Amino acid sequence: MHSVRHWLSFFVGAVIFVLGLFPLIGWPAGVADVLKSSLPLAVLMYVLAFGGLYVIVDSFFEFTFHSGLGITTLLVGLVVFGLGLVSILHSMGAIAFGFSLPAILYYILFILEGLFLMLGCFVMD
């Protein structure tokens, strides 16, 4: 039986997945336009970083039965969290180096995060 932790991972993953999918495909038109115009890049950076951290935490629960998938999830989470964290720290002036990702890459990373979180629902202990 799946616990609350499993379903929470699934629903958080579904929300992050939708945040990335709707602006890319432009459907539904009203929702996609609102997501593209009203979510500033700063909010996307924070969602990306916290989503990556959630994927990292989720990956430790996947190690029990599916170590290969757990390692893959951990690596994806570390990369996504690192990208989000560097973007946030650079925007605050805390670090000198940085980069700015175009919004389309944020949406693609959201889709990737969402898929791994939803997959984690079914393979956790």
PDB file of N, CA and C in Angstrom:
ATOM      1  N   MET A   1       0.845  -1.192   0.000  1.00  0.00           N
ATOM      2  CA  MET A   1       0.000   0.000   0.000  1.00  0.00           C
ATOM      3  C   MET A   1       0.877   1.238   0.000  1.00  0.00           C
ATOM      4  N   HIS A   2       0.525   2.182  -0.819  1.00  0.00           N
ATOM      5  CA  HIS A   2       1.287   3.421  -0.899  1.00  0.00           C
ATOM      6  C   HIS A   2       0.958   4.318   0.288  1.00  0.00           C
ATOM      7  N   SER A   3       1.986   4.912   0.834  1.00  0.00           N
ATOM      8  CA  SER A   3       1.787   5.818   1.960  1.00  0.00           C
ATOM      9  C   SER A   3       1.551   7.234   1.450  1.00  0.00           C
ATOM     10  N   VAL A   4       1.342   8.126   2.378  1.00  0.00           N
ATOM     11  CA  VAL A   4       1.108   9.534   2.036  1.00  0.00           C
ATOM     12  C   VAL A   4       2.331  10.117   1.334  1.00  0.00           C
ATOM     13  N   ARG A   5       3.518   9.697   1.739  1.00  0.00           N
ATOM     14  CA  ARG A   5       4.755  10.184   1.124  1.00  0.00           C
ATOM     15  C   ARG A   5       4.783   9.867  -0.371  1.00  0.00           C
ATOM     16  N   HIS A   6       4.315   8.683  -0.759  1.00  0.00           N
ATOM     17  CA  HIS A   6       4.292   8.306  -2.165  1.00  0.00           C
ATOM     18  C   HIS A   6       3.359   9.209  -2.960  1.00  0.00           C
ATOM     19  N   TRP A   7       2.161   9.399  -2.446  1.00  0.00           N
ATOM     20  CA  TRP A   7       1.172  10.204  -3.182  1.00  0.00           C
ATOM     21  C   TRP A   7       1.539  11.678  -3.181  1.00  0.00           C
ATOM     22  N   LEU A   8       2.169  12.156  -2.118  1.00  0.00           N
ATOM     23  CA  LEU A   8       2.636  13.538  -2.099  1.00  0.00           C
ATOM     24  C   LEU A   8       3.691  13.744  -3.185  1.00  0.00           C
ATOM     25  N   SER A   9       4.576  12.782  -3.327  1.00  0.00           N
ATOM     26  CA  SER A   9       5.579  12.848  -4.381  1.00  0.00           C
ATOM     27  C   SER A   9       4.916  12.876  -5.752  1.00  0.00           C
ATOM     28  N   PHE A  10       3.891  12.057  -5.938  1.00  0.00           N
ATOM     29  CA  PHE A  10       3.199  12.013  -7.224  1.00  0.00           C
ATOM     30  C   PHE A  10       2.516  13.342  -7.539  1.00  0.00           C
ATOM     31  N   PHE A  11       1.794  13.908  -6.576  1.00  0.00           N
ATOM     32  CA  PHE A  11       1.058  15.141  -6.840  1.00  0.00           C
ATOM     33  C   PHE A  11       1.981  16.352  -7.004  1.00  0.00           C
ATOM     34  N   VAL A  12       3.059  16.423  -6.232  1.00  0.00           N
ATOM     35  CA  VAL A  12       4.034  17.498  -6.425  1.00  0.00           C
ATOM     36  C   VAL A  12       4.675  17.354  -7.804  1.00  0.00           C
ATOM     37  N   GLY A  13       4.992  16.132  -8.192  1.00  0.00           N
ATOM     38  CA  GLY A  13       5.546  15.890  -9.519  1.00  0.00           C
ATOM     39  C   GLY A  13       4.571  16.261 -10.628  1.00  0.00           C
ATOM     40  N   ALA A  14       3.290  15.968 -10.423  1.00  0.00           N
ATOM     41  CA  ALA A  14       2.287  16.311 -11.434  1.00  0.00           C
ATOM     42  C   ALA A  14       2.154  17.819 -11.588  1.00  0.00           C
ATOM     43  N   VAL A  15       2.190  18.551 -10.479  1.00  0.00           N
ATOM     44  CA  VAL A  15       2.093  20.014 -10.546  1.00  0.00           C
ATOM     45  C   VAL A  15       3.313  20.595 -11.259  1.00  0.00           C
ATOM     46  N   ILE A  16       4.504  20.122 -10.913  1.00  0.00           N
ATOM     47  CA  ILE A  16       5.715  20.614 -11.563  1.00  0.00           C
ATOM     48  C   ILE A  16       5.717  20.236 -13.040  1.00  0.00           C
ATOM     49  N   PHE A  17       5.252  19.033 -13.348  1.00  0.00           N
ATOM     50  CA  PHE A  17       5.170  18.594 -14.742  1.00  0.00           C
ATOM     51  C   PHE A  17       4.234  19.492 -15.547  1.00  0.00           C
ATOM     52  N   VAL A  18       3.087  19.833 -14.979  1.00  0.00           N
ATOM     53  CA  VAL A  18       2.123  20.702 -15.661  1.00  0.00           C
ATOM     54  C   VAL A  18       2.691  22.106 -15.831  1.00  0.00           C
ATOM     55  N   LEU A  19       3.433  22.604 -14.823  1.00  0.00           N
ATOM     56  CA  LEU A  19       4.068  23.916 -14.940  1.00  0.00           C
ATOM     57  C   LEU A  19       5.054  23.966 -16.105  1.00  0.00           C
ATOM     58  N   GLY A  20       5.637  22.848 -16.455  1.00  0.00           N
ATOM     59  CA  GLY A  20       6.550  22.815 -17.577  1.00  0.00           C
ATOM     60  C   GLY A  20       5.885  22.474 -18.895  1.00  0.00           C
ATOM     61  N   LEU A  21       4.855  21.651 -18.843  1.00  0.00           N
ATOM     62  CA  LEU A  21       4.241  21.171 -20.081  1.00  0.00           C
ATOM     63  C   LEU A  21       3.329  22.196 -20.741  1.00  0.00           C
ATOM     64  N   PHE A  22       2.457  22.818 -19.974  1.00  0.00           N
ATOM     65  CA  PHE A  22       1.468  23.721 -20.564  1.00  0.00           C
ATOM     66  C   PHE A  22       2.095  24.893 -21.319  1.00  0.00           C
ATOM     67  N   PRO A  23       3.114  25.563 -20.787  1.00  0.00           N
ATOM     68  CA  PRO A  23       3.712  26.650 -21.583  1.00  0.00           C
ATOM     69  C   PRO A  23       4.402  26.158 -22.857  1.00  0.00           C
ATOM     70  N   LEU A  24       4.926  24.927 -22.843  1.00  0.00           N
ATOM     71  CA  LEU A  24       5.612  24.428 -24.032  1.00  0.00           C
ATOM     72  C   LEU A  24       4.647  24.084 -25.159  1.00  0.00           C
ATOM     73  N   ILE A  25       3.526  23.466 -24.810  1.00  0.00           N
ATOM     74  CA  ILE A  25       2.599  23.064 -25.865  1.00  0.00           C
ATOM     75  C   ILE A  25       1.541  24.112 -26.151  1.00  0.00           C
ATOM     76  N   GLY A  26       1.426  25.108 -25.276  1.00  0.00           N
ATOM     77  CA  GLY A  26       0.464  26.182 -25.506  1.00  0.00           C
ATOM     78  C   GLY A  26      -0.972  25.770 -25.294  1.00  0.00           C
ATOM     79  N   TRP A  27      -1.200  24.661 -24.582  1.00  0.00           N
ATOM     80  CA  TRP A  27      -2.556  24.198 -24.338  1.00  0.00           C
ATOM     81  C   TRP A  27      -2.757  24.032 -22.855  1.00  0.00           C
ATOM     82  N   PRO A  28      -3.863  24.319 -22.288  1.00  0.00           N
ATOM     83  CA  PRO A  28      -4.942  25.153 -22.820  1.00  0.00           C
ATOM     84  C   PRO A  28      -4.472  26.598 -22.941  1.00  0.00           C
ATOM     85  N   ALA A  29      -4.985  27.282 -23.929  1.00  0.00           N
ATOM     86  CA  ALA A  29      -4.444  28.592 -24.311  1.00  0.00           C
ATOM     87  C   ALA A  29      -4.444  29.585 -23.152  1.00  0.00           C
ATOM     88  N   GLY A  30      -5.515  29.681 -22.411  1.00  0.00           N
ATOM     89  CA  GLY A  30      -5.588  30.636 -21.307  1.00  0.00           C
ATOM     90  C   GLY A  30      -4.591  30.327 -20.206  1.00  0.00           C
ATOM     91  N   VAL A  31      -4.496  29.061 -19.839  1.00  0.00           N
ATOM     92  CA  VAL A  31      -3.588  28.658 -18.757  1.00  0.00           C
ATOM     93  C   VAL A  31      -2.135  28.825 -19.193  1.00  0.00           C
ATOM     94  N   ALA A  32      -1.816  28.439 -20.413  1.00  0.00           N
ATOM     95  CA  ALA A  32      -0.433  28.560 -20.898  1.00  0.00           C
ATOM     96  C   ALA A  32      -0.002  30.017 -20.958  1.00  0.00           C
ATOM     97  N   ASP A  33      -0.896  30.904 -21.382  1.00  0.00           N
ATOM     98  CA  ASP A  33      -0.550  32.325 -21.441  1.00  0.00           C
ATOM     99  C   ASP A  33      -0.323  32.902 -20.055  1.00  0.00           C
ATOM    100  N   VAL A  34      -1.144  32.488 -19.089  1.00  0.00           N
ATOM    101  CA  VAL A  34      -0.975  32.964 -17.711  1.00  0.00           C
ATOM    102  C   VAL A  34       0.348  32.476 -17.146  1.00  0.00           C
ATOM    103  N   LEU A  35       0.690  31.202 -17.386  1.00  0.00           N
ATOM    104  CA  LEU A  35       1.949  30.661 -16.873  1.00  0.00           C
ATOM    105  C   LEU A  35       3.153  31.335 -17.513  1.00  0.00           C
ATOM    106  N   LYS A  36       3.067  31.662 -18.801  1.00  0.00           N
ATOM    107  CA  LYS A  36       4.191  32.309 -19.481  1.00  0.00           C
ATOM    108  C   LYS A  36       4.367  33.753 -19.041  1.00  0.00           C
ATOM    109  N   SER A  37       3.255  34.463 -18.824  1.00  0.00           N
ATOM    110  CA  SER A  37       3.364  35.891 -18.572  1.00  0.00           C
ATOM    111  C   SER A  37       3.445  36.251 -17.093  1.00  0.00           C
ATOM    112  N   SER A  38       2.793  35.487 -16.227  1.00  0.00           N
ATOM    113  CA  SER A  38       2.704  35.925 -14.840  1.00  0.00           C
ATOM    114  C   SER A  38       3.777  35.326 -13.939  1.00  0.00           C
ATOM    115  N   LEU A  39       4.467  34.293 -14.387  1.00  0.00           N
ATOM    116  CA  LEU A  39       5.515  33.713 -13.560  1.00  0.00           C
ATOM    117  C   LEU A  39       6.861  34.321 -13.958  1.00  0.00           C
ATOM    118  N   PRO A  40       7.365  35.238 -13.157  1.00  0.00           N
ATOM    119  CA  PRO A  40       8.667  35.818 -13.500  1.00  0.00           C
ATOM    120  C   PRO A  40       9.773  34.781 -13.374  1.00  0.00           C
ATOM    121  N   LEU A  41      10.867  35.075 -14.000  1.00  0.00           N
ATOM    122  CA  LEU A  41      11.993  34.153 -14.027  1.00  0.00           C
ATOM    123  C   LEU A  41      12.518  33.850 -12.623  1.00  0.00           C
ATOM    124  N   ALA A  42      12.414  34.800 -11.716  1.00  0.00           N
ATOM    125  CA  ALA A  42      12.886  34.571 -10.338  1.00  0.00           C
ATOM    126  C   ALA A  42      12.080  33.474  -9.658  1.00  0.00           C
ATOM    127  N   VAL A  43      10.776  33.462  -9.894  1.00  0.00           N
ATOM    128  CA  VAL A  43       9.930  32.419  -9.302  1.00  0.00           C
ATOM    129  C   VAL A  43      10.285  31.067  -9.905  1.00  0.00           C
ATOM    130  N   LEU A  44      10.548  31.032 -11.202  1.00  0.00           N
ATOM    131  CA  LEU A  44      10.922  29.782 -11.849  1.00  0.00           C
ATOM    132  C   LEU A  44      12.223  29.228 -11.269  1.00  0.00           C
ATOM    133  N   MET A  45      13.170  30.111 -10.945  1.00  0.00           N
ATOM    134  CA  MET A  45      14.435  29.658 -10.359  1.00  0.00           C
ATOM    135  C   MET A  45      14.199  29.004  -8.999  1.00  0.00           C
ATOM    136  N   TYR A  46      13.346  29.608  -8.172  1.00  0.00           N
ATOM    137  CA  TYR A  46      13.064  29.035  -6.857  1.00  0.00           C
ATOM    138  C   TYR A  46      12.321  27.712  -6.968  1.00  0.00           C
ATOM    139  N   VAL A  47      11.352  27.633  -7.851  1.00  0.00           N
ATOM    140  CA  VAL A  47      10.615  26.375  -8.037  1.00  0.00           C
ATOM    141  C   VAL A  47      11.559  25.299  -8.541  1.00  0.00           C
ATOM    142  N   LEU A  48      12.455  25.661  -9.440  1.00  0.00           N
ATOM    143  CA  LEU A  48      13.425  24.704  -9.970  1.00  0.00           C
ATOM    144  C   LEU A  48      14.342  24.187  -8.864  1.00  0.00           C
ATOM    145  N   ALA A  49      14.852  25.077  -8.025  1.00  0.00           N
ATOM    146  CA  ALA A  49      15.768  24.662  -6.963  1.00  0.00           C
ATOM    147  C   ALA A  49      15.061  23.804  -5.911  1.00  0.00           C
ATOM    148  N   PHE A  50      13.886  24.223  -5.468  1.00  0.00           N
ATOM    149  CA  PHE A  50      13.181  23.437  -4.455  1.00  0.00           C
ATOM    150  C   PHE A  50      12.676  22.119  -5.022  1.00  0.00           C
ATOM    151  N   GLY A  51      12.290  22.113  -6.289  1.00  0.00           N
ATOM    152  CA  GLY A  51      11.904  20.856  -6.924  1.00  0.00           C
ATOM    153  C   GLY A  51      13.076  19.902  -7.022  1.00  0.00           C
ATOM    154  N   GLY A  52      14.254  20.426  -7.363  1.00  0.00           N
ATOM    155  CA  GLY A  52      15.457  19.591  -7.408  1.00  0.00           C
ATOM    156  C   GLY A  52      15.807  19.024  -6.051  1.00  0.00           C
ATOM    157  N   LEU A  53      15.650  19.831  -5.010  1.00  0.00           N
ATOM    158  CA  LEU A  53      15.900  19.342  -3.652  1.00  0.00           C
ATOM    159  C   LEU A  53      14.911  18.242  -3.277  1.00  0.00           C
ATOM    160  N   TYR A  54      13.670  18.394  -3.688  1.00  0.00           N
ATOM    161  CA  TYR A  54      12.650  17.370  -3.418  1.00  0.00           C
ATOM    162  C   TYR A  54      12.990  16.079  -4.165  1.00  0.00           C
ATOM    163  N   VAL A  55      13.500  16.195  -5.382  1.00  0.00           N
ATOM    164  CA  VAL A  55      13.906  15.007  -6.142  1.00  0.00           C
ATOM    165  C   VAL A  55      15.076  14.312  -5.449  1.00  0.00           C
ATOM    166  N   ILE A  56      16.013  15.075  -4.895  1.00  0.00           N
ATOM    167  CA  ILE A  56      17.147  14.486  -4.172  1.00  0.00           C
ATOM    168  C   ILE A  56      16.655  13.706  -2.955  1.00  0.00           C
ATOM    169  N   VAL A  57      15.774  14.310  -2.182  1.00  0.00           N
ATOM    170  CA  VAL A  57      15.235  13.629  -0.998  1.00  0.00           C
ATOM    171  C   VAL A  57      14.465  12.381  -1.414  1.00  0.00           C
ATOM    172  N   ASP A  58      13.687  12.505  -2.476  1.00  0.00           N
ATOM    173  CA  ASP A  58      12.897  11.392  -2.973  1.00  0.00           C
ATOM    174  C   ASP A  58      13.786  10.248  -3.450  1.00  0.00           C
ATOM    175  N   SER A  59      14.950  10.573  -3.990  1.00  0.00           N
ATOM    176  CA  SER A  59      15.823   9.531  -4.523  1.00  0.00           C
ATOM    177  C   SER A  59      16.348   8.614  -3.422  1.00  0.00           C
ATOM    178  N   PHE A  60      16.514   9.117  -2.208  1.00  0.00           N
ATOM    179  CA  PHE A  60      17.000   8.265  -1.124  1.00  0.00           C
ATOM    180  C   PHE A  60      15.990   7.194  -0.745  1.00  0.00           C
ATOM    181  N   PHE A  61      14.722   7.456  -0.956  1.00  0.00           N
ATOM    182  CA  PHE A  61      13.705   6.446  -0.692  1.00  0.00           C
ATOM    183  C   PHE A  61      13.632   5.410  -1.813  1.00  0.00           C
ATOM    184  N   GLU A  62      14.167   5.726  -2.990  1.00  0.00           N
ATOM    185  CA  GLU A  62      14.160   4.800  -4.113  1.00  0.00           C
ATOM    186  C   GLU A  62      15.324   3.816  -4.062  1.00  0.00           C
ATOM    187  N   PHE A  63      16.340   4.094  -3.263  1.00  0.00           N
ATOM    188  CA  PHE A  63      17.504   3.221  -3.207  1.00  0.00           C
ATOM    189  C   PHE A  63      17.170   1.823  -2.695  1.00  0.00           C
ATOM    190  N   THR A  64      16.116   1.672  -1.932  1.00  0.00           N
ATOM    191  CA  THR A  64      15.826   0.415  -1.262  1.00  0.00           C
ATOM    192  C   THR A  64      15.665  -0.738  -2.245  1.00  0.00           C
ATOM    193  N   PHE A  65      14.811  -0.561  -3.261  1.00  0.00           N
ATOM    194  CA  PHE A  65      14.539  -1.664  -4.176  1.00  0.00           C
ATOM    195  C   PHE A  65      15.095  -1.449  -5.581  1.00  0.00           C
ATOM    196  N   HIS A  66      15.267  -0.212  -5.972  1.00  0.00           N
ATOM    197  CA  HIS A  66      15.699   0.093  -7.329  1.00  0.00           C
ATOM    198  C   HIS A  66      16.911   1.020  -7.274  1.00  0.00           C
ATOM    199  N   SER A  67      18.076   0.443  -6.990  1.00  0.00           N
ATOM    200  CA  SER A  67      19.252   1.279  -6.787  1.00  0.00           C
ATOM    201  C   SER A  67      19.663   2.003  -8.064  1.00  0.00           C
ATOM    202  N   GLY A  68      19.492   1.373  -9.236  1.00  0.00           N
ATOM    203  CA  GLY A  68      19.847   2.045 -10.483  1.00  0.00           C
ATOM    204  C   GLY A  68      18.987   3.263 -10.735  1.00  0.00           C
ATOM    205  N   LEU A  69      17.701   3.126 -10.522  1.00  0.00           N
ATOM    206  CA  LEU A  69      16.791   4.256 -10.690  1.00  0.00           C
ATOM    207  C   LEU A  69      17.033   5.306  -9.611  1.00  0.00           C
ATOM    208  N   GLY A  70      17.359   4.872  -8.408  1.00  0.00           N
ATOM    209  CA  GLY A  70      17.645   5.814  -7.330  1.00  0.00           C
ATOM    210  C   GLY A  70      18.870   6.661  -7.622  1.00  0.00           C
ATOM    211  N   ILE A  71      19.898   6.046  -8.196  1.00  0.00           N
ATOM    212  CA  ILE A  71      21.109   6.794  -8.542  1.00  0.00           C
ATOM    213  C   ILE A  71      20.823   7.775  -9.667  1.00  0.00           C
ATOM    214  N   THR A  72      20.074   7.340 -10.665  1.00  0.00           N
ATOM    215  CA  THR A  72      19.709   8.233 -11.768  1.00  0.00           C
ATOM    216  C   THR A  72      18.894   9.411 -11.260  1.00  0.00           C
ATOM    217  N   THR A  73      17.937   9.134 -10.393  1.00  0.00           N
ATOM    218  CA  THR A  73      17.115  10.197  -9.824  1.00  0.00           C
ATOM    219  C   THR A  73      17.964  11.152  -8.998  1.00  0.00           C
ATOM    220  N   LEU A  74      18.904  10.622  -8.236  1.00  0.00           N
ATOM    221  CA  LEU A  74      19.789  11.463  -7.439  1.00  0.00           C
ATOM    222  C   LEU A  74      20.630  12.372  -8.339  1.00  0.00           C
ATOM    223  N   LEU A  75      21.167  11.833  -9.408  1.00  0.00           N
ATOM    224  CA  LEU A  75      21.979  12.647 -10.320  1.00  0.00           C
ATOM    225  C   LEU A  75      21.149  13.737 -10.991  1.00  0.00           C
ATOM    226  N   VAL A  76      19.948  13.401 -11.427  1.00  0.00           N
ATOM    227  CA  VAL A  76      19.067  14.407 -12.031  1.00  0.00           C
ATOM    228  C   VAL A  76      18.728  15.486 -11.000  1.00  0.00           C
ATOM    229  N   GLY A  77      18.423  15.071  -9.785  1.00  0.00           N
ATOM    230  CA  GLY A  77      18.111  16.033  -8.731  1.00  0.00           C
ATOM    231  C   GLY A  77      19.279  16.948  -8.409  1.00  0.00           C
ATOM    232  N   LEU A  78      20.491  16.392  -8.361  1.00  0.00           N
ATOM    233  CA  LEU A  78      21.668  17.209  -8.076  1.00  0.00           C
ATOM    234  C   LEU A  78      21.927  18.229  -9.180  1.00  0.00           C
ATOM    235  N   VAL A  79      21.788  17.814 -10.427  1.00  0.00           N
ATOM    236  CA  VAL A  79      22.008  18.736 -11.547  1.00  0.00           C
ATOM    237  C   VAL A  79      20.967  19.844 -11.541  1.00  0.00           C
ATOM    238  N   VAL A  80      19.703  19.473 -11.375  1.00  0.00           N
ATOM    239  CA  VAL A  80      18.629  20.471 -11.407  1.00  0.00           C
ATOM    240  C   VAL A  80      18.726  21.408 -10.205  1.00  0.00           C
ATOM    241  N   PHE A  81      19.005  20.862  -9.026  1.00  0.00           N
ATOM    242  CA  PHE A  81      19.163  21.693  -7.836  1.00  0.00           C
ATOM    243  C   PHE A  81      20.359  22.627  -7.993  1.00  0.00           C
ATOM    244  N   GLY A  82      21.454  22.104  -8.541  1.00  0.00           N
ATOM    245  CA  GLY A  82      22.635  22.942  -8.757  1.00  0.00           C
ATOM    246  C   GLY A  82      22.367  24.083  -9.718  1.00  0.00           C
ATOM    247  N   LEU A  83      21.667  23.807 -10.816  1.00  0.00           N
ATOM    248  CA  LEU A  83      21.327  24.866 -11.766  1.00  0.00           C
ATOM    249  C   LEU A  83      20.452  25.937 -11.125  1.00  0.00           C
ATOM    250  N   GLY A  84      19.456  25.483 -10.379  1.00  0.00           N
ATOM    251  CA  GLY A  84      18.577  26.446  -9.710  1.00  0.00           C
ATOM    252  C   GLY A  84      19.298  27.240  -8.643  1.00  0.00           C
ATOM    253  N   LEU A  85      20.141  26.580  -7.868  1.00  0.00           N
ATOM    254  CA  LEU A  85      20.850  27.258  -6.782  1.00  0.00           C
ATOM    255  C   LEU A  85      21.860  28.270  -7.315  1.00  0.00           C
ATOM    256  N   VAL A  86      22.588  27.914  -8.357  1.00  0.00           N
ATOM    257  CA  VAL A  86      23.550  28.857  -8.934  1.00  0.00           C
ATOM    258  C   VAL A  86      22.820  30.068  -9.506  1.00  0.00           C
ATOM    259  N   SER A  87      21.684  29.840 -10.154  1.00  0.00           N
ATOM    260  CA  SER A  87      20.905  30.954 -10.705  1.00  0.00           C
ATOM    261  C   SER A  87      20.419  31.883  -9.593  1.00  0.00           C
ATOM    262  N   ILE A  88      19.942  31.303  -8.498  1.00  0.00           N
ATOM    263  CA  ILE A  88      19.440  32.110  -7.381  1.00  0.00           C
ATOM    264  C   ILE A  88      20.580  32.897  -6.732  1.00  0.00           C
ATOM    265  N   LEU A  89      21.684  32.218  -6.439  1.00  0.00           N
ATOM    266  CA  LEU A  89      22.806  32.892  -5.775  1.00  0.00           C
ATOM    267  C   LEU A  89      23.406  33.984  -6.653  1.00  0.00           C
ATOM    268  N   HIS A  90      23.455  33.752  -7.961  1.00  0.00           N
ATOM    269  CA  HIS A  90      23.972  34.781  -8.864  1.00  0.00           C
ATOM    270  C   HIS A  90      23.040  35.991  -8.925  1.00  0.00           C
ATOM    271  N   SER A  91      21.734  35.739  -8.923  1.00  0.00           N
ATOM    272  CA  SER A  91      20.789  36.860  -8.965  1.00  0.00           C
ATOM    273  C   SER A  91      20.827  37.687  -7.682  1.00  0.00           C
ATOM    274  N   MET A  92      21.218  37.065  -6.575  1.00  0.00           N
ATOM    275  CA  MET A  92      21.347  37.787  -5.305  1.00  0.00           C
ATOM    276  C   MET A  92      22.700  38.471  -5.164  1.00  0.00           C
ATOM    277  N   GLY A  93      23.630  38.157  -6.046  1.00  0.00           N
ATOM    278  CA  GLY A  93      24.964  38.734  -5.961  1.00  0.00           C
ATOM    279  C   GLY A  93      25.872  37.996  -4.996  1.00  0.00           C
ATOM    280  N   ALA A  94      25.484  36.805  -4.570  1.00  0.00           N
ATOM    281  CA  ALA A  94      26.285  36.052  -3.610  1.00  0.00           C
ATOM    282  C   ALA A  94      27.474  35.363  -4.264  1.00  0.00           C
ATOM    283  N   ILE A  95      27.366  35.048  -5.545  1.00  0.00           N
ATOM    284  CA  ILE A  95      28.479  34.456  -6.271  1.00  0.00           C
ATOM    285  C   ILE A  95      28.702  35.268  -7.548  1.00  0.00           C
ATOM    286  N   ALA A  96      29.935  35.305  -7.993  1.00  0.00           N
ATOM    287  CA  ALA A  96      30.275  36.141  -9.143  1.00  0.00           C
ATOM    288  C   ALA A  96      29.931  35.477 -10.470  1.00  0.00           C
ATOM    289  N   PHE A  97      30.063  34.156 -10.539  1.00  0.00           N
ATOM    290  CA  PHE A  97      29.769  33.489 -11.802  1.00  0.00           C
ATOM    291  C   PHE A  97      28.296  33.094 -11.835  1.00  0.00           C
ATOM    292  N   GLY A  98      27.800  32.943 -13.007  1.00  0.00           N
ATOM    293  CA  GLY A  98      26.406  32.541 -13.142  1.00  0.00           C
ATOM    294  C   GLY A  98      26.003  32.480 -14.596  1.00  0.00           C
ATOM    295  N   PHE A  99      24.796  32.139 -14.809  1.00  0.00           N
ATOM    296  CA  PHE A  99      24.250  32.042 -16.155  1.00  0.00           C
ATOM    297  C   PHE A  99      22.754  32.287 -16.060  1.00  0.00           C
ATOM    298  N   SER A 100      22.188  32.668 -17.143  1.00  0.00           N
ATOM    299  CA  SER A 100      20.740  32.815 -17.166  1.00  0.00           C
ATOM    300  C   SER A 100      20.196  31.866 -18.214  1.00  0.00           C
ATOM    301  N   LEU A 101      19.339  31.008 -17.777  1.00  0.00           N
ATOM    302  CA  LEU A 101      18.729  30.048 -18.679  1.00  0.00           C
ATOM    303  C   LEU A 101      17.515  30.669 -19.340  1.00  0.00           C
ATOM    304  N   PRO A 102      17.284  30.372 -20.602  1.00  0.00           N
ATOM    305  CA  PRO A 102      16.034  30.828 -21.213  1.00  0.00           C
ATOM    306  C   PRO A 102      14.855  30.086 -20.584  1.00  0.00           C
ATOM    307  N   ALA A 103      13.713  30.698 -20.646  1.00  0.00           N
ATOM    308  CA  ALA A 103      12.529  30.129 -19.988  1.00  0.00           C
ATOM    309  C   ALA A 103      12.200  28.735 -20.508  1.00  0.00           C
ATOM    310  N   ILE A 104      12.473  28.463 -21.765  1.00  0.00           N
ATOM    311  CA  ILE A 104      12.142  27.144 -22.317  1.00  0.00           C
ATOM    312  C   ILE A 104      12.932  26.040 -21.623  1.00  0.00           C
ATOM    313  N   LEU A 105      14.182  26.320 -21.218  1.00  0.00           N
ATOM    314  CA  LEU A 105      14.955  25.310 -20.494  1.00  0.00           C
ATOM    315  C   LEU A 105      14.395  25.060 -19.097  1.00  0.00           C
ATOM    316  N   TYR A 106      13.862  26.116 -18.463  1.00  0.00           N
ATOM    317  CA  TYR A 106      13.198  25.913 -17.184  1.00  0.00           C
ATOM    318  C   TYR A 106      12.001  24.991 -17.351  1.00  0.00           C
ATOM    319  N   TYR A 107      11.238  25.182 -18.405  1.00  0.00           N
ATOM    320  CA  TYR A 107      10.063  24.337 -18.634  1.00  0.00           C
ATOM    321  C   TYR A 107      10.463  22.887 -18.902  1.00  0.00           C
ATOM    322  N   ILE A 108      11.546  22.684 -19.641  1.00  0.00           N
ATOM    323  CA  ILE A 108      12.019  21.324 -19.909  1.00  0.00           C
ATOM    324  C   ILE A 108      12.516  20.669 -18.621  1.00  0.00           C
ATOM    325  N   LEU A 109      13.230  21.419 -17.794  1.00  0.00           N
ATOM    326  CA  LEU A 109      13.686  20.878 -16.506  1.00  0.00           C
ATOM    327  C   LEU A 109      12.515  20.583 -15.580  1.00  0.00           C
ATOM    328  N   PHE A 110      11.452  21.394 -15.636  1.00  0.00           N
ATOM    329  CA  PHE A 110      10.251  21.111 -14.846  1.00  0.00           C
ATOM    330  C   PHE A 110       9.633  19.786 -15.268  1.00  0.00           C
ATOM    331  N   ILE A 111       9.573  19.553 -16.565  1.00  0.00           N
ATOM    332  CA  ILE A 111       9.014  18.291 -17.056  1.00  0.00           C
ATOM    333  C   ILE A 111       9.854  17.121 -16.567  1.00  0.00           C
ATOM    334  N   LEU A 112      11.168  17.250 -16.619  1.00  0.00           N
ATOM    335  CA  LEU A 112      12.065  16.198 -16.161  1.00  0.00           C
ATOM    336  C   LEU A 112      11.894  15.946 -14.662  1.00  0.00           C
ATOM    337  N   GLU A 113      11.844  17.011 -13.871  1.00  0.00           N
ATOM    338  CA  GLU A 113      11.616  16.864 -12.424  1.00  0.00           C
ATOM    339  C   GLU A 113      10.295  16.188 -12.136  1.00  0.00           C
ATOM    340  N   GLY A 114       9.263  16.647 -12.806  1.00  0.00           N
ATOM    341  CA  GLY A 114       7.937  16.080 -12.583  1.00  0.00           C
ATOM    342  C   GLY A 114       7.875  14.607 -12.917  1.00  0.00           C
ATOM    343  N   LEU A 115       8.515  14.204 -14.012  1.00  0.00           N
ATOM    344  CA  LEU A 115       8.514  12.790 -14.384  1.00  0.00           C
ATOM    345  C   LEU A 115       9.211  11.927 -13.335  1.00  0.00           C
ATOM    346  N   PHE A 116      10.355  12.383 -12.850  1.00  0.00           N
ATOM    347  CA  PHE A 116      11.067  11.595 -11.854  1.00  0.00           C
ATOM    348  C   PHE A 116      10.322  11.545 -10.521  1.00  0.00           C
ATOM    349  N   LEU A 117       9.631  12.616 -10.150  1.00  0.00           N
ATOM    350  CA  LEU A 117       8.851  12.582  -8.914  1.00  0.00           C
ATOM    351  C   LEU A 117       7.636  11.664  -9.049  1.00  0.00           C
ATOM    352  N   MET A 118       6.966  11.725 -10.192  1.00  0.00           N
ATOM    353  CA  MET A 118       5.807  10.838 -10.381  1.00  0.00           C
ATOM    354  C   MET A 118       6.249   9.374 -10.464  1.00  0.00           C
ATOM    355  N   LEU A 119       7.383   9.104 -11.084  1.00  0.00           N
ATOM    356  CA  LEU A 119       7.905   7.762 -11.152  1.00  0.00           C
ATOM    357  C   LEU A 119       8.290   7.258  -9.757  1.00  0.00           C
ATOM    358  N   GLY A 120       8.820   8.153  -8.941  1.00  0.00           N
ATOM    359  CA  GLY A 120       9.201   7.801  -7.580  1.00  0.00           C
ATOM    360  C   GLY A 120       8.048   7.311  -6.732  1.00  0.00           C
ATOM    361  N   CYS A 121       6.847   7.757  -7.040  1.00  0.00           N
ATOM    362  CA  CYS A 121       5.662   7.299  -6.301  1.00  0.00           C
ATOM    363  C   CYS A 121       5.512   5.785  -6.379  1.00  0.00           C
ATOM    364  N   PHE A 122       5.860   5.228  -7.508  1.00  0.00           N
ATOM    365  CA  PHE A 122       5.599   3.800  -7.730  1.00  0.00           C
ATOM    366  C   PHE A 122       6.790   2.901  -7.416  1.00  0.00           C
ATOM    367  N   VAL A 123       7.984   3.468  -7.244  1.00  0.00           N
ATOM    368  CA  VAL A 123       9.146   2.606  -6.988  1.00  0.00           C
ATOM    369  C   VAL A 123       9.729   2.791  -5.586  1.00  0.00           C
ATOM    370  N   MET A 124       9.149   3.687  -4.785  1.00  0.00           N
ATOM    371  CA  MET A 124       9.667   3.828  -3.416  1.00  0.00           C
ATOM    372  C   MET A 124       9.304   2.602  -2.600  1.00  0.00           C
ATOM    373  N   ASP A 125      10.006   2.436  -1.494  1.00  0.00           N
ATOM    374  CA  ASP A 125       9.818   1.279  -0.625  1.00  0.00           C
ATOM    375  C   ASP A 125       8.417   1.096  -0.228  1.00  0.00           C
TER     376      ASP A 125
END
